mmCIF file of all heavy atoms, coordinates in Angstrom:
data_MODEL
# 
_entry.id   MODEL 
# 
loop_
_atom_site.group_PDB 
_atom_site.id 
_atom_site.type_symbol 
_atom_site.label_atom_id 
_atom_site.label_alt_id 
_atom_site.label_comp_id 
_atom_site.label_asym_id 
_atom_site.label_entity_id 
_atom_site.label_seq_id 
_atom_site.pdbx_PDB_ins_code 
_atom_site.Cartn_x 
_atom_site.Cartn_y 
_atom_site.Cartn_z 
_atom_site.occupancy 
_atom_site.B_iso_or_equiv 
_atom_site.pdbx_formal_charge 
_atom_site.auth_seq_id 
_atom_site.auth_comp_id 
_atom_site.auth_asym_id 
_atom_site.auth_atom_id 
_atom_site.pdbx_PDB_model_num 
ATOM 1   N N   . GLU A 1 1  ? -4.132 7.211   -4.574  1.00 0.00 ? 1  GLU A N   1 
ATOM 2   C CA  . GLU A 1 1  ? -2.798 7.888   -4.495  1.00 0.00 ? 1  GLU A CA  1 
ATOM 3   C C   . GLU A 1 1  ? -1.815 7.234   -5.525  1.00 0.00 ? 1  GLU A C   1 
ATOM 4   O O   . GLU A 1 1  ? -0.810 7.786   -5.841  1.00 0.00 ? 1  GLU A O   1 
ATOM 5   C CB  . GLU A 1 1  ? -2.190 7.659   -3.136  1.00 0.00 ? 1  GLU A CB  1 
ATOM 6   C CG  . GLU A 1 1  ? -2.963 8.353   -1.987  1.00 0.00 ? 1  GLU A CG  1 
ATOM 7   C CD  . GLU A 1 1  ? -3.169 9.898   -2.187  1.00 0.00 ? 1  GLU A CD  1 
ATOM 8   O OE1 . GLU A 1 1  ? -2.242 10.519  -2.826  1.00 0.00 ? 1  GLU A OE1 1 
ATOM 9   O OE2 . GLU A 1 1  ? -4.193 10.503  -1.701  1.00 0.00 ? 1  GLU A OE2 1 
ATOM 10  N N   . HIS A 1 2  ? -2.111 6.055   -5.997  1.00 0.00 ? 2  HIS A N   1 
ATOM 11  C CA  . HIS A 1 2  ? -1.303 5.352   -6.978  1.00 0.00 ? 2  HIS A CA  1 
ATOM 12  C C   . HIS A 1 2  ? -1.609 5.799   -8.378  1.00 0.00 ? 2  HIS A C   1 
ATOM 13  O O   . HIS A 1 2  ? -2.836 6.137   -8.644  1.00 0.00 ? 2  HIS A O   1 
ATOM 14  C CB  . HIS A 1 2  ? -1.293 3.870   -6.738  1.00 0.00 ? 2  HIS A CB  1 
ATOM 15  C CG  . HIS A 1 2  ? -0.518 3.444   -5.557  1.00 0.00 ? 2  HIS A CG  1 
ATOM 16  N ND1 . HIS A 1 2  ? 0.862  3.475   -5.482  1.00 0.00 ? 2  HIS A ND1 1 
ATOM 17  C CD2 . HIS A 1 2  ? -0.924 2.993   -4.378  1.00 0.00 ? 2  HIS A CD2 1 
ATOM 18  C CE1 . HIS A 1 2  ? 1.358  2.966   -4.291  1.00 0.00 ? 2  HIS A CE1 1 
ATOM 19  N NE2 . HIS A 1 2  ? 0.193  2.676   -3.727  1.00 0.00 ? 2  HIS A NE2 1 
ATOM 20  N N   . SER A 1 3  ? -0.679 5.729   -9.401  1.00 0.00 ? 3  SER A N   1 
ATOM 21  C CA  . SER A 1 3  ? -0.937 6.034   -10.612 1.00 0.00 ? 3  SER A CA  1 
ATOM 22  C C   . SER A 1 3  ? -1.008 4.710   -11.651 1.00 0.00 ? 3  SER A C   1 
ATOM 23  O O   . SER A 1 3  ? -1.078 4.859   -12.823 1.00 0.00 ? 3  SER A O   1 
ATOM 24  C CB  . SER A 1 3  ? 0.110  7.055   -11.260 1.00 0.00 ? 3  SER A CB  1 
ATOM 25  O OG  . SER A 1 3  ? 1.362  6.490   -11.122 1.00 0.00 ? 3  SER A OG  1 
ATOM 26  N N   . HIS A 1 4  ? -0.811 3.607   -11.054 1.00 0.00 ? 4  HIS A N   1 
ATOM 27  C CA  . HIS A 1 4  ? -0.905 2.304   -11.863 1.00 0.00 ? 4  HIS A CA  1 
ATOM 28  C C   . HIS A 1 4  ? -1.402 1.203   -10.907 1.00 0.00 ? 4  HIS A C   1 
ATOM 29  O O   . HIS A 1 4  ? -1.806 1.537   -9.794  1.00 0.00 ? 4  HIS A O   1 
ATOM 30  C CB  . HIS A 1 4  ? 0.580  1.956   -12.427 1.00 0.00 ? 4  HIS A CB  1 
ATOM 31  C CG  . HIS A 1 4  ? 0.465  1.267   -13.658 1.00 0.00 ? 4  HIS A CG  1 
ATOM 32  N ND1 . HIS A 1 4  ? 0.571  -0.152  -13.726 1.00 0.00 ? 4  HIS A ND1 1 
ATOM 33  C CD2 . HIS A 1 4  ? 0.306  1.649   -15.034 1.00 0.00 ? 4  HIS A CD2 1 
ATOM 34  C CE1 . HIS A 1 4  ? 0.489  -0.552  -14.990 1.00 0.00 ? 4  HIS A CE1 1 
ATOM 35  N NE2 . HIS A 1 4  ? 0.222  0.494   -15.747 1.00 0.00 ? 4  HIS A NE2 1 
ATOM 36  N N   . TRP A 1 5  ? -1.449 0.021   -11.462 1.00 0.00 ? 5  TRP A N   1 
ATOM 37  C CA  . TRP A 1 5  ? -1.982 -1.094  -10.661 1.00 0.00 ? 5  TRP A CA  1 
ATOM 38  C C   . TRP A 1 5  ? -1.512 -1.188  -9.311  1.00 0.00 ? 5  TRP A C   1 
ATOM 39  O O   . TRP A 1 5  ? -0.274 -1.061  -9.025  1.00 0.00 ? 5  TRP A O   1 
ATOM 40  C CB  . TRP A 1 5  ? -1.583 -2.446  -11.405 1.00 0.00 ? 5  TRP A CB  1 
ATOM 41  C CG  . TRP A 1 5  ? -2.038 -2.609  -12.764 1.00 0.00 ? 5  TRP A CG  1 
ATOM 42  C CD1 . TRP A 1 5  ? -2.841 -1.834  -13.522 1.00 0.00 ? 5  TRP A CD1 1 
ATOM 43  C CD2 . TRP A 1 5  ? -1.655 -3.616  -13.739 1.00 0.00 ? 5  TRP A CD2 1 
ATOM 44  N NE1 . TRP A 1 5  ? -2.999 -2.072  -14.865 1.00 0.00 ? 5  TRP A NE1 1 
ATOM 45  C CE2 . TRP A 1 5  ? -2.195 -3.394  -14.972 1.00 0.00 ? 5  TRP A CE2 1 
ATOM 46  C CE3 . TRP A 1 5  ? -0.773 -4.782  -13.520 1.00 0.00 ? 5  TRP A CE3 1 
ATOM 47  C CZ2 . TRP A 1 5  ? -2.115 -4.150  -16.065 1.00 0.00 ? 5  TRP A CZ2 1 
ATOM 48  C CZ3 . TRP A 1 5  ? -0.646 -5.493  -14.688 1.00 0.00 ? 5  TRP A CZ3 1 
ATOM 49  C CH2 . TRP A 1 5  ? -1.166 -5.175  -15.875 1.00 0.00 ? 5  TRP A CH2 1 
ATOM 50  N N   . VAL A 1 6  ? -2.350 -1.468  -8.417  1.00 0.00 ? 6  VAL A N   1 
ATOM 51  C CA  . VAL A 1 6  ? -2.021 -1.611  -6.973  1.00 0.00 ? 6  VAL A CA  1 
ATOM 52  C C   . VAL A 1 6  ? -1.973 -3.182  -6.755  1.00 0.00 ? 6  VAL A C   1 
ATOM 53  O O   . VAL A 1 6  ? -2.962 -3.745  -6.724  1.00 0.00 ? 6  VAL A O   1 
ATOM 54  C CB  . VAL A 1 6  ? -2.933 -0.855  -5.929  1.00 0.00 ? 6  VAL A CB  1 
ATOM 55  C CG1 . VAL A 1 6  ? -2.394 -0.952  -4.443  1.00 0.00 ? 6  VAL A CG1 1 
ATOM 56  C CG2 . VAL A 1 6  ? -3.137 0.536   -6.364  1.00 0.00 ? 6  VAL A CG2 1 
ATOM 57  N N   . TRP A 1 7  ? -0.754 -3.635  -6.363  1.00 0.00 ? 7  TRP A N   1 
ATOM 58  C CA  . TRP A 1 7  ? -0.579 -5.139  -6.257  1.00 0.00 ? 7  TRP A CA  1 
ATOM 59  C C   . TRP A 1 7  ? -0.921 -5.655  -4.888  1.00 0.00 ? 7  TRP A C   1 
ATOM 60  O O   . TRP A 1 7  ? -1.227 -6.758  -4.738  1.00 0.00 ? 7  TRP A O   1 
ATOM 61  C CB  . TRP A 1 7  ? 0.876  -5.487  -6.550  1.00 0.00 ? 7  TRP A CB  1 
ATOM 62  C CG  . TRP A 1 7  ? 1.111  -5.502  -8.126  1.00 0.00 ? 7  TRP A CG  1 
ATOM 63  C CD1 . TRP A 1 7  ? 1.456  -4.517  -8.883  1.00 0.00 ? 7  TRP A CD1 1 
ATOM 64  C CD2 . TRP A 1 7  ? 1.075  -6.691  -8.997  1.00 0.00 ? 7  TRP A CD2 1 
ATOM 65  N NE1 . TRP A 1 7  ? 1.642  -4.926  -10.337 1.00 0.00 ? 7  TRP A NE1 1 
ATOM 66  C CE2 . TRP A 1 7  ? 1.437  -6.173  -10.283 1.00 0.00 ? 7  TRP A CE2 1 
ATOM 67  C CE3 . TRP A 1 7  ? 0.761  -7.954  -8.778  1.00 0.00 ? 7  TRP A CE3 1 
ATOM 68  C CZ2 . TRP A 1 7  ? 1.385  -7.059  -11.369 1.00 0.00 ? 7  TRP A CZ2 1 
ATOM 69  C CZ3 . TRP A 1 7  ? 0.830  -8.856  -9.853  1.00 0.00 ? 7  TRP A CZ3 1 
ATOM 70  C CH2 . TRP A 1 7  ? 1.127  -8.398  -11.124 1.00 0.00 ? 7  TRP A CH2 1 
ATOM 71  N N   . ASN A 1 8  ? -0.606 -4.779  -3.923  1.00 0.00 ? 8  ASN A N   1 
ATOM 72  C CA  . ASN A 1 8  ? -0.643 -5.286  -2.549  1.00 0.00 ? 8  ASN A CA  1 
ATOM 73  C C   . ASN A 1 8  ? -1.160 -4.329  -1.586  1.00 0.00 ? 8  ASN A C   1 
ATOM 74  O O   . ASN A 1 8  ? -1.010 -3.046  -1.650  1.00 0.00 ? 8  ASN A O   1 
ATOM 75  C CB  . ASN A 1 8  ? 0.738  -5.466  -2.061  1.00 0.00 ? 8  ASN A CB  1 
ATOM 76  C CG  . ASN A 1 8  ? 1.125  -6.864  -1.758  1.00 0.00 ? 8  ASN A CG  1 
ATOM 77  O OD1 . ASN A 1 8  ? 2.215  -7.202  -1.229  1.00 0.00 ? 8  ASN A OD1 1 
ATOM 78  N ND2 . ASN A 1 8  ? 0.243  -7.807  -1.773  1.00 0.00 ? 8  ASN A ND2 1 
ATOM 79  N N   . VAL A 1 9  ? -2.081 -4.667  -0.565  1.00 0.00 ? 9  VAL A N   1 
ATOM 80  C CA  . VAL A 1 9  ? -2.484 -3.836  0.547   1.00 0.00 ? 9  VAL A CA  1 
ATOM 81  C C   . VAL A 1 9  ? -2.346 -4.589  1.830   1.00 0.00 ? 9  VAL A C   1 
ATOM 82  O O   . VAL A 1 9  ? -2.681 -5.757  1.890   1.00 0.00 ? 9  VAL A O   1 
ATOM 83  C CB  . VAL A 1 9  ? -3.917 -3.326  0.260   1.00 0.00 ? 9  VAL A CB  1 
ATOM 84  C CG1 . VAL A 1 9  ? -4.894 -4.508  0.152   1.00 0.00 ? 9  VAL A CG1 1 
ATOM 85  C CG2 . VAL A 1 9  ? -4.410 -2.345  1.456   1.00 0.00 ? 9  VAL A CG2 1 
ATOM 86  N N   . ARG A 1 10 ? -1.659 -3.989  2.846   1.00 0.00 ? 10 ARG A N   1 
ATOM 87  C CA  . ARG A 1 10 ? -1.552 -4.687  4.121   1.00 0.00 ? 10 ARG A CA  1 
ATOM 88  C C   . ARG A 1 10 ? -1.824 -3.666  5.290   1.00 0.00 ? 10 ARG A C   1 
ATOM 89  O O   . ARG A 1 10 ? -1.310 -2.573  5.418   1.00 0.00 ? 10 ARG A O   1 
ATOM 90  C CB  . ARG A 1 10 ? -0.069 -5.094  4.215   1.00 0.00 ? 10 ARG A CB  1 
ATOM 91  C CG  . ARG A 1 10 ? 0.336  -6.330  3.368   1.00 0.00 ? 10 ARG A CG  1 
ATOM 92  C CD  . ARG A 1 10 ? -0.296 -7.630  3.870   1.00 0.00 ? 10 ARG A CD  1 
ATOM 93  N NE  . ARG A 1 10 ? -0.093 -8.735  3.003   1.00 0.00 ? 10 ARG A NE  1 
ATOM 94  C CZ  . ARG A 1 10 ? -0.940 -9.084  2.145   1.00 0.00 ? 10 ARG A CZ  1 
ATOM 95  N NH1 . ARG A 1 10 ? -1.929 -8.451  1.688   1.00 0.00 ? 10 ARG A NH1 1 
ATOM 96  N NH2 . ARG A 1 10 ? -0.441 -10.209 1.321   1.00 0.00 ? 10 ARG A NH2 1 
ATOM 97  N N   . TYR A 1 11 ? -2.670 -4.192  6.200   1.00 0.00 ? 11 TYR A N   1 
ATOM 98  C CA  . TYR A 1 11 ? -2.897 -3.615  7.505   1.00 0.00 ? 11 TYR A CA  1 
ATOM 99  C C   . TYR A 1 11 ? -1.704 -3.787  8.477   1.00 0.00 ? 11 TYR A C   1 
ATOM 100 O O   . TYR A 1 11 ? -1.187 -5.015  8.498   1.00 0.00 ? 11 TYR A O   1 
ATOM 101 C CB  . TYR A 1 11 ? -4.140 -4.094  8.230   1.00 0.00 ? 11 TYR A CB  1 
ATOM 102 C CG  . TYR A 1 11 ? -5.339 -3.493  7.817   1.00 0.00 ? 11 TYR A CG  1 
ATOM 103 C CD1 . TYR A 1 11 ? -6.298 -4.182  6.839   1.00 0.00 ? 11 TYR A CD1 1 
ATOM 104 C CD2 . TYR A 1 11 ? -5.802 -2.314  8.379   1.00 0.00 ? 11 TYR A CD2 1 
ATOM 105 C CE1 . TYR A 1 11 ? -7.580 -3.582  6.396   1.00 0.00 ? 11 TYR A CE1 1 
ATOM 106 C CE2 . TYR A 1 11 ? -7.188 -1.732  7.965   1.00 0.00 ? 11 TYR A CE2 1 
ATOM 107 C CZ  . TYR A 1 11 ? -7.846 -2.474  7.114   1.00 0.00 ? 11 TYR A CZ  1 
ATOM 108 O OH  . TYR A 1 11 ? -9.112 -1.945  6.660   1.00 0.00 ? 11 TYR A OH  1 
ATOM 109 N N   . ASN A 1 12 ? -1.303 -2.910  9.274   1.00 0.00 ? 12 ASN A N   1 
ATOM 110 C CA  . ASN A 1 12 ? -0.444 -3.093  10.307  1.00 0.00 ? 12 ASN A CA  1 
ATOM 111 C C   . ASN A 1 12 ? -1.101 -3.963  11.441  1.00 0.00 ? 12 ASN A C   1 
ATOM 112 O O   . ASN A 1 12 ? -2.149 -3.640  11.738  1.00 0.00 ? 12 ASN A O   1 
ATOM 113 C CB  . ASN A 1 12 ? 0.069  -1.783  10.976  1.00 0.00 ? 12 ASN A CB  1 
ATOM 114 C CG  . ASN A 1 12 ? 1.127  -1.881  12.099  1.00 0.00 ? 12 ASN A CG  1 
ATOM 115 O OD1 . ASN A 1 12 ? 0.906  -2.537  12.988  1.00 0.00 ? 12 ASN A OD1 1 
ATOM 116 N ND2 . ASN A 1 12 ? 2.361  -1.319  11.595  1.00 0.00 ? 12 ASN A ND2 1 
ATOM 117 N N   . HIS A 1 13 ? -0.412 -4.906  11.854  1.00 0.00 ? 13 HIS A N   1 
ATOM 118 C CA  . HIS A 1 13 ? -0.949 -5.867  12.866  1.00 0.00 ? 13 HIS A CA  1 
ATOM 119 C C   . HIS A 1 13 ? -1.178 -5.312  14.250  1.00 0.00 ? 13 HIS A C   1 
ATOM 120 O O   . HIS A 1 13 ? -2.215 -5.761  14.835  1.00 0.00 ? 13 HIS A O   1 
ATOM 121 C CB  . HIS A 1 13 ? -0.079 -7.172  13.042  1.00 0.00 ? 13 HIS A CB  1 
ATOM 122 C CG  . HIS A 1 13 ? 0.332  -7.678  11.678  1.00 0.00 ? 13 HIS A CG  1 
ATOM 123 N ND1 . HIS A 1 13 ? -0.642 -8.360  10.842  1.00 0.00 ? 13 HIS A ND1 1 
ATOM 124 C CD2 . HIS A 1 13 ? 1.554  -8.033  11.195  1.00 0.00 ? 13 HIS A CD2 1 
ATOM 125 C CE1 . HIS A 1 13 ? 0.089  -8.772  9.858   1.00 0.00 ? 13 HIS A CE1 1 
ATOM 126 N NE2 . HIS A 1 13 ? 1.404  -8.583  10.001  1.00 0.00 ? 13 HIS A NE2 1 
ATOM 127 N N   . SER A 1 14 ? -0.518 -4.313  14.545  1.00 0.00 ? 14 SER A N   1 
ATOM 128 C CA  . SER A 1 14 ? -0.638 -3.661  15.959  1.00 0.00 ? 14 SER A CA  1 
ATOM 129 C C   . SER A 1 14 ? -1.394 -2.409  15.899  1.00 0.00 ? 14 SER A C   1 
ATOM 130 O O   . SER A 1 14 ? -2.228 -2.097  16.933  1.00 0.00 ? 14 SER A O   1 
ATOM 131 C CB  . SER A 1 14 ? 0.666  -3.486  16.519  1.00 0.00 ? 14 SER A CB  1 
ATOM 132 O OG  . SER A 1 14 ? 1.458  -4.659  16.651  1.00 0.00 ? 14 SER A OG  1 
ATOM 133 N N   . HIS A 1 15 ? -1.291 -1.683  14.789  1.00 0.00 ? 15 HIS A N   1 
ATOM 134 C CA  . HIS A 1 15 ? -1.875 -0.227  14.724  1.00 0.00 ? 15 HIS A CA  1 
ATOM 135 C C   . HIS A 1 15 ? -2.537 -0.229  13.462  1.00 0.00 ? 15 HIS A C   1 
ATOM 136 O O   . HIS A 1 15 ? -2.045 0.121   12.451  1.00 0.00 ? 15 HIS A O   1 
ATOM 137 C CB  . HIS A 1 15 ? -0.833 0.737   14.832  1.00 0.00 ? 15 HIS A CB  1 
ATOM 138 C CG  . HIS A 1 15 ? 0.062  0.600   16.088  1.00 0.00 ? 15 HIS A CG  1 
ATOM 139 N ND1 . HIS A 1 15 ? -0.413 1.001   17.309  1.00 0.00 ? 15 HIS A ND1 1 
ATOM 140 C CD2 . HIS A 1 15 ? 1.297  0.072   16.142  1.00 0.00 ? 15 HIS A CD2 1 
ATOM 141 C CE1 . HIS A 1 15 ? 0.628  0.761   18.093  1.00 0.00 ? 15 HIS A CE1 1 
ATOM 142 N NE2 . HIS A 1 15 ? 1.590  0.158   17.502  1.00 0.00 ? 15 HIS A NE2 1 
ATOM 143 N N   . ASP A 1 16 ? -3.992 -0.531  13.512  1.00 0.00 ? 16 ASP A N   1 
ATOM 144 C CA  . ASP A 1 16 ? -4.689 -0.760  12.191  1.00 0.00 ? 16 ASP A CA  1 
ATOM 145 C C   . ASP A 1 16 ? -5.058 0.489   11.433  1.00 0.00 ? 16 ASP A C   1 
ATOM 146 O O   . ASP A 1 16 ? -5.508 0.281   10.300  1.00 0.00 ? 16 ASP A O   1 
ATOM 147 C CB  . ASP A 1 16 ? -5.993 -1.518  12.514  1.00 0.00 ? 16 ASP A CB  1 
ATOM 148 C CG  . ASP A 1 16 ? -6.865 -0.816  13.385  1.00 0.00 ? 16 ASP A CG  1 
ATOM 149 O OD1 . ASP A 1 16 ? -6.985 0.373   13.393  1.00 0.00 ? 16 ASP A OD1 1 
ATOM 150 O OD2 . ASP A 1 16 ? -7.589 -1.478  14.194  1.00 0.00 ? 16 ASP A OD2 1 
ATOM 151 N N   . GLN A 1 17 ? -4.517 1.729   11.912  1.00 0.00 ? 17 GLN A N   1 
ATOM 152 C CA  . GLN A 1 17 ? -4.670 2.823   11.151  1.00 0.00 ? 17 GLN A CA  1 
ATOM 153 C C   . GLN A 1 17 ? -3.626 2.949   10.031  1.00 0.00 ? 17 GLN A C   1 
ATOM 154 O O   . GLN A 1 17 ? -3.711 3.644   9.075   1.00 0.00 ? 17 GLN A O   1 
ATOM 155 C CB  . GLN A 1 17 ? -4.689 4.116   11.952  1.00 0.00 ? 17 GLN A CB  1 
ATOM 156 C CG  . GLN A 1 17 ? -3.319 4.593   12.554  1.00 0.00 ? 17 GLN A CG  1 
ATOM 157 C CD  . GLN A 1 17 ? -3.317 4.093   13.948  1.00 0.00 ? 17 GLN A CD  1 
ATOM 158 O OE1 . GLN A 1 17 ? -3.535 2.964   14.284  1.00 0.00 ? 17 GLN A OE1 1 
ATOM 159 N NE2 . GLN A 1 17 ? -2.917 5.066   14.786  1.00 0.00 ? 17 GLN A NE2 1 
ATOM 160 N N   . LEU A 1 18 ? -2.433 2.116   10.185  1.00 0.00 ? 18 LEU A N   1 
ATOM 161 C CA  . LEU A 1 18 ? -1.370 2.243   9.293   1.00 0.00 ? 18 LEU A CA  1 
ATOM 162 C C   . LEU A 1 18 ? -1.581 1.137   8.075   1.00 0.00 ? 18 LEU A C   1 
ATOM 163 O O   . LEU A 1 18 ? -1.717 0.005   8.360   1.00 0.00 ? 18 LEU A O   1 
ATOM 164 C CB  . LEU A 1 18 ? -0.053 1.865   9.974   1.00 0.00 ? 18 LEU A CB  1 
ATOM 165 C CG  . LEU A 1 18 ? 0.317  2.820   11.121  1.00 0.00 ? 18 LEU A CG  1 
ATOM 166 C CD1 . LEU A 1 18 ? 1.642  2.388   11.747  1.00 0.00 ? 18 LEU A CD1 1 
ATOM 167 C CD2 . LEU A 1 18 ? 0.487  4.266   10.620  1.00 0.00 ? 18 LEU A CD2 1 
ATOM 168 N N   . ILE A 1 19 ? -1.631 1.688   6.888   1.00 0.00 ? 19 ILE A N   1 
ATOM 169 C CA  . ILE A 1 19 ? -1.902 1.006   5.693   1.00 0.00 ? 19 ILE A CA  1 
ATOM 170 C C   . ILE A 1 19 ? -0.690 1.019   4.715   1.00 0.00 ? 19 ILE A C   1 
ATOM 171 O O   . ILE A 1 19 ? -0.293 2.108   4.372   1.00 0.00 ? 19 ILE A O   1 
ATOM 172 C CB  . ILE A 1 19 ? -3.155 1.385   4.945   1.00 0.00 ? 19 ILE A CB  1 
ATOM 173 C CG1 . ILE A 1 19 ? -4.262 1.472   5.942   1.00 0.00 ? 19 ILE A CG1 1 
ATOM 174 C CG2 . ILE A 1 19 ? -3.476 0.528   3.779   1.00 0.00 ? 19 ILE A CG2 1 
ATOM 175 C CD1 . ILE A 1 19 ? -4.808 0.138   6.452   1.00 0.00 ? 19 ILE A CD1 1 
ATOM 176 N N   . LEU A 1 20 ? -0.204 -0.075  4.299   1.00 0.00 ? 20 LEU A N   1 
ATOM 177 C CA  . LEU A 1 20 ? 0.797  -0.210  3.261   1.00 0.00 ? 20 LEU A CA  1 
ATOM 178 C C   . LEU A 1 20 ? 0.357  -0.607  1.895   1.00 0.00 ? 20 LEU A C   1 
ATOM 179 O O   . LEU A 1 20 ? -0.490 -1.544  1.932   1.00 0.00 ? 20 LEU A O   1 
ATOM 180 C CB  . LEU A 1 20 ? 1.957  -1.175  3.765   1.00 0.00 ? 20 LEU A CB  1 
ATOM 181 C CG  . LEU A 1 20 ? 3.171  -0.853  4.545   1.00 0.00 ? 20 LEU A CG  1 
ATOM 182 C CD1 . LEU A 1 20 ? 3.933  -2.055  4.611   1.00 0.00 ? 20 LEU A CD1 1 
ATOM 183 C CD2 . LEU A 1 20 ? 3.938  0.301   3.952   1.00 0.00 ? 20 LEU A CD2 1 
ATOM 184 N N   . THR A 1 21 ? 0.773  0.090   0.881   1.00 0.00 ? 21 THR A N   1 
ATOM 185 C CA  . THR A 1 21 ? 0.319  -0.396  -0.545  1.00 0.00 ? 21 THR A CA  1 
ATOM 186 C C   . THR A 1 21 ? 1.563  -0.357  -1.471  1.00 0.00 ? 21 THR A C   1 
ATOM 187 O O   . THR A 1 21 ? 2.419  0.595   -1.278  1.00 0.00 ? 21 THR A O   1 
ATOM 188 C CB  . THR A 1 21 ? -0.787 0.530   -0.991  1.00 0.00 ? 21 THR A CB  1 
ATOM 189 O OG1 . THR A 1 21 ? -0.407 1.875   -0.976  1.00 0.00 ? 21 THR A OG1 1 
ATOM 190 C CG2 . THR A 1 21 ? -2.106 0.435   -0.358  1.00 0.00 ? 21 THR A CG2 1 
ATOM 191 N N   . GLY A 1 22 ? 1.522  -1.272  -2.282  1.00 0.00 ? 22 GLY A N   1 
ATOM 192 C CA  . GLY A 1 22 ? 2.627  -1.309  -3.308  1.00 0.00 ? 22 GLY A CA  1 
ATOM 193 C C   . GLY A 1 22 ? 2.058  -1.343  -4.680  1.00 0.00 ? 22 GLY A C   1 
ATOM 194 O O   . GLY A 1 22 ? 1.005  -1.947  -4.868  1.00 0.00 ? 22 GLY A O   1 
ATOM 195 N N   . SER A 1 23 ? 2.689  -0.768  -5.665  1.00 0.00 ? 23 SER A N   1 
ATOM 196 C CA  . SER A 1 23 ? 2.033  -0.535  -7.000  1.00 0.00 ? 23 SER A CA  1 
ATOM 197 C C   . SER A 1 23 ? 3.053  -0.691  -8.186  1.00 0.00 ? 23 SER A C   1 
ATOM 198 O O   . SER A 1 23 ? 4.329  -0.597  -8.023  1.00 0.00 ? 23 SER A O   1 
ATOM 199 C CB  . SER A 1 23 ? 1.386  0.752   -6.975  1.00 0.00 ? 23 SER A CB  1 
ATOM 200 O OG  . SER A 1 23 ? 1.071  1.081   -8.331  1.00 0.00 ? 23 SER A OG  1 
ATOM 201 N N   . SER A 1 24 ? 2.536  -0.917  -9.386  1.00 0.00 ? 24 SER A N   1 
ATOM 202 C CA  . SER A 1 24 ? 3.423  -0.932  -10.599 1.00 0.00 ? 24 SER A CA  1 
ATOM 203 C C   . SER A 1 24 ? 3.837  0.533   -10.922 1.00 0.00 ? 24 SER A C   1 
ATOM 204 O O   . SER A 1 24 ? 4.651  0.646   -11.903 1.00 0.00 ? 24 SER A O   1 
ATOM 205 C CB  . SER A 1 24 ? 2.540  -1.428  -11.771 1.00 0.00 ? 24 SER A CB  1 
ATOM 206 O OG  . SER A 1 24 ? 2.209  -2.685  -11.605 1.00 0.00 ? 24 SER A OG  1 
ATOM 207 N N   . ASP A 1 25 ? 3.467  1.461   -10.114 1.00 0.00 ? 25 ASP A N   1 
ATOM 208 C CA  . ASP A 1 25 ? 4.146  2.945   -10.361 1.00 0.00 ? 25 ASP A CA  1 
ATOM 209 C C   . ASP A 1 25 ? 5.425  2.972   -9.670  1.00 0.00 ? 25 ASP A C   1 
ATOM 210 O O   . ASP A 1 25 ? 5.957  4.162   -9.509  1.00 0.00 ? 25 ASP A O   1 
ATOM 211 C CB  . ASP A 1 25 ? 3.117  3.888   -9.917  1.00 0.00 ? 25 ASP A CB  1 
ATOM 212 C CG  . ASP A 1 25 ? 2.737  3.945   -8.462  1.00 0.00 ? 25 ASP A CG  1 
ATOM 213 O OD1 . ASP A 1 25 ? 3.436  3.132   -7.689  1.00 0.00 ? 25 ASP A OD1 1 
ATOM 214 O OD2 . ASP A 1 25 ? 1.914  4.733   -8.008  1.00 0.00 ? 25 ASP A OD2 1 
ATOM 215 N N   . SER A 1 26 ? 5.965  1.778   -9.126  1.00 0.00 ? 26 SER A N   1 
ATOM 216 C CA  . SER A 1 26 ? 7.181  1.780   -8.414  1.00 0.00 ? 26 SER A CA  1 
ATOM 217 C C   . SER A 1 26 ? 7.264  2.243   -7.086  1.00 0.00 ? 26 SER A C   1 
ATOM 218 O O   . SER A 1 26 ? 8.278  2.523   -6.502  1.00 0.00 ? 26 SER A O   1 
ATOM 219 C CB  . SER A 1 26 ? 8.388  2.306   -9.334  1.00 0.00 ? 26 SER A CB  1 
ATOM 220 O OG  . SER A 1 26 ? 8.299  1.853   -10.628 1.00 0.00 ? 26 SER A OG  1 
ATOM 221 N N   . ARG A 1 27 ? 6.157  2.672   -6.557  1.00 0.00 ? 27 ARG A N   1 
ATOM 222 C CA  . ARG A 1 27 ? 6.059  3.360   -5.303  1.00 0.00 ? 27 ARG A CA  1 
ATOM 223 C C   . ARG A 1 27 ? 5.498  2.396   -4.159  1.00 0.00 ? 27 ARG A C   1 
ATOM 224 O O   . ARG A 1 27 ? 4.592  1.700   -4.395  1.00 0.00 ? 27 ARG A O   1 
ATOM 225 C CB  . ARG A 1 27 ? 5.294  4.581   -5.380  1.00 0.00 ? 27 ARG A CB  1 
ATOM 226 C CG  . ARG A 1 27 ? 6.004  5.679   -6.268  1.00 0.00 ? 27 ARG A CG  1 
ATOM 227 C CD  . ARG A 1 27 ? 5.251  7.026   -6.248  1.00 0.00 ? 27 ARG A CD  1 
ATOM 228 N NE  . ARG A 1 27 ? 3.919  6.899   -6.706  1.00 0.00 ? 27 ARG A NE  1 
ATOM 229 C CZ  . ARG A 1 27 ? 2.993  7.756   -6.404  1.00 0.00 ? 27 ARG A CZ  1 
ATOM 230 N NH1 . ARG A 1 27 ? 3.208  8.824   -5.733  1.00 0.00 ? 27 ARG A NH1 1 
ATOM 231 N NH2 . ARG A 1 27 ? 1.698  7.612   -6.848  1.00 0.00 ? 27 ARG A NH2 1 
ATOM 232 N N   . VAL A 1 28 ? 5.893  2.677   -2.974  1.00 0.00 ? 28 VAL A N   1 
ATOM 233 C CA  . VAL A 1 28 ? 5.272  2.167   -1.710  1.00 0.00 ? 28 VAL A CA  1 
ATOM 234 C C   . VAL A 1 28 ? 4.616  3.388   -0.986  1.00 0.00 ? 28 VAL A C   1 
ATOM 235 O O   . VAL A 1 28 ? 5.393  4.375   -0.860  1.00 0.00 ? 28 VAL A O   1 
ATOM 236 C CB  . VAL A 1 28 ? 6.297  1.470   -0.786  1.00 0.00 ? 28 VAL A CB  1 
ATOM 237 C CG1 . VAL A 1 28 ? 5.606  0.953   0.451   1.00 0.00 ? 28 VAL A CG1 1 
ATOM 238 C CG2 . VAL A 1 28 ? 6.919  0.234   -1.605  1.00 0.00 ? 28 VAL A CG2 1 
ATOM 239 N N   . ILE A 1 29 ? 3.493  3.267   -0.668  1.00 0.00 ? 29 ILE A N   1 
ATOM 240 C CA  . ILE A 1 29 ? 2.781  4.354   0.011   1.00 0.00 ? 29 ILE A CA  1 
ATOM 241 C C   . ILE A 1 29 ? 2.341  3.924   1.482   1.00 0.00 ? 29 ILE A C   1 
ATOM 242 O O   . ILE A 1 29 ? 1.774  2.895   1.605   1.00 0.00 ? 29 ILE A O   1 
ATOM 243 C CB  . ILE A 1 29 ? 1.637  4.945   -0.785  1.00 0.00 ? 29 ILE A CB  1 
ATOM 244 C CG1 . ILE A 1 29 ? 2.132  5.608   -1.995  1.00 0.00 ? 29 ILE A CG1 1 
ATOM 245 C CG2 . ILE A 1 29 ? 0.775  5.928   0.152   1.00 0.00 ? 29 ILE A CG2 1 
ATOM 246 C CD1 . ILE A 1 29 ? 1.018  6.212   -2.872  1.00 0.00 ? 29 ILE A CD1 1 
# 
């Protein structure tokens, strides 16, 4: 889903279907 480097990926501690990602494309998904 990102268009540039993905710097970070994090699972939600309570609900593991929720995934956060941050990227050099300036977006958080």
